[in-house]
Amino acid sequence: MARVKPPAKKRRLGKANRESKAVPTWVIVRTDGKVRTNPKRRRNWRTGTIKP
């Protein structure tokens, strides 16, 4: 990928990075363990794509 990224793509990459965090403990407790995984964590930095 280019070293100098377009600002829009940089914003999308930052958003994806923020969203890829683990589910907070209080959410797991509140949902009685039904919600344990973050579905947005499946994307891999190398193989998954973000809209250009």
C-alpha atoms as a PDB file:
ATOM      1  CA  MET A   1       0.000   0.000   0.000  1.00  0.00           C
ATOM      2  CA  ALA A   2       1.151   3.516  -0.645  1.00  0.00           C
ATOM      3  CA  ARG A   3       2.984   5.211   2.167  1.00  0.00           C
ATOM      4  CA  VAL A   4       1.061   8.435   1.622  1.00  0.00           C
ATOM      5  CA  LYS A   5      -2.583   7.431   1.929  1.00  0.00           C
ATOM      6  CA  PRO A   6      -5.584   9.467   0.851  1.00  0.00           C
ATOM      7  CA  PRO A   7      -7.201  11.094   3.927  1.00  0.00           C
ATOM      8  CA  ALA A   8     -10.521   9.295   3.357  1.00  0.00           C
ATOM      9  CA  LYS A   9      -8.869   5.864   3.322  1.00  0.00           C
ATOM     10  CA  LYS A  10      -6.794   6.805   6.359  1.00  0.00           C
ATOM     11  CA  ARG A  11     -10.009   7.695   8.204  1.00  0.00           C
ATOM     12  CA  ARG A  12     -11.590   4.353   7.274  1.00  0.00           C
ATOM     13  CA  LEU A  13      -8.497   2.446   8.394  1.00  0.00           C
ATOM     14  CA  GLY A  14      -8.548   4.307  11.717  1.00  0.00           C
ATOM     15  CA  LYS A  15     -12.228   3.510  12.226  1.00  0.00           C
ATOM     16  CA  ALA A  16     -11.619  -0.184  11.477  1.00  0.00           C
ATOM     17  CA  ASN A  17      -8.722  -0.143  13.937  1.00  0.00           C
ATOM     18  CA  ARG A  18     -10.884   1.351  16.695  1.00  0.00           C
ATOM     19  CA  GLU A  19     -13.713  -1.103  16.037  1.00  0.00           C
ATOM     20  CA  SER A  20     -11.483  -4.164  16.273  1.00  0.00           C
ATOM     21  CA  LYS A  21     -11.313  -4.109  20.061  1.00  0.00           C
ATOM     22  CA  ALA A  22     -12.434  -6.926  22.336  1.00  0.00           C
ATOM     23  CA  VAL A  23     -15.955  -6.982  23.783  1.00  0.00           C
ATOM     24  CA  PRO A  24     -15.966  -5.282  27.228  1.00  0.00           C
ATOM     25  CA  THR A  25     -16.370  -7.527  30.259  1.00  0.00           C
ATOM     26  CA  TRP A  26     -19.524  -5.718  31.398  1.00  0.00           C
ATOM     27  CA  VAL A  27     -21.207  -6.596  28.075  1.00  0.00           C
ATOM     28  CA  ILE A  28     -20.393 -10.280  28.540  1.00  0.00           C
ATOM     29  CA  VAL A  29     -21.785 -10.147  32.091  1.00  0.00           C
ATOM     30  CA  ARG A  30     -24.896  -8.222  31.061  1.00  0.00           C
ATOM     31  CA  THR A  31     -25.742 -10.671  28.271  1.00  0.00           C
ATOM     32  CA  ASP A  32     -25.028 -13.736  30.443  1.00  0.00           C
ATOM     33  CA  GLY A  33     -22.150 -14.771  28.200  1.00  0.00           C
ATOM     34  CA  LYS A  34     -24.191 -14.791  24.982  1.00  0.00           C
ATOM     35  CA  VAL A  35     -22.083 -12.013  23.481  1.00  0.00           C
ATOM     36  CA  ARG A  36     -18.414 -12.948  23.724  1.00  0.00           C
ATOM     37  CA  THR A  37     -16.873 -12.158  20.373  1.00  0.00           C
ATOM     38  CA  ASN A  38     -16.693  -9.054  18.256  1.00  0.00           C
ATOM     39  CA  PRO A  39     -17.850  -9.868  14.702  1.00  0.00           C
ATOM     40  CA  LYS A  40     -15.719  -7.043  13.280  1.00  0.00           C
ATOM     41  CA  ARG A  41     -12.557  -8.647  14.631  1.00  0.00           C
ATOM     42  CA  ARG A  42     -12.494 -11.262  11.876  1.00  0.00           C
ATOM     43  CA  ARG A  43     -10.917  -8.929   9.339  1.00  0.00           C
ATOM     44  CA  ASN A  44      -7.201  -9.496   8.830  1.00  0.00           C
ATOM     45  CA  TRP A  45      -4.979  -6.534   8.000  1.00  0.00           C
ATOM     46  CA  ARG A  46      -3.427  -8.326   5.052  1.00  0.00           C
ATOM     47  CA  THR A  47      -6.230 -10.355   3.524  1.00  0.00           C
ATOM     48  CA  GLY A  48      -9.372  -8.384   4.416  1.00  0.00           C
ATOM     49  CA  THR A  49     -10.221  -5.297   2.444  1.00  0.00           C
ATOM     50  CA  ILE A  50     -11.671  -1.930   3.372  1.00  0.00           C
ATOM     51  CA  LYS A  51     -13.529   0.120   0.808  1.00  0.00           C
ATOM     52  CA  PRO A  52     -11.032   2.140  -1.279  1.00  0.00           C
END
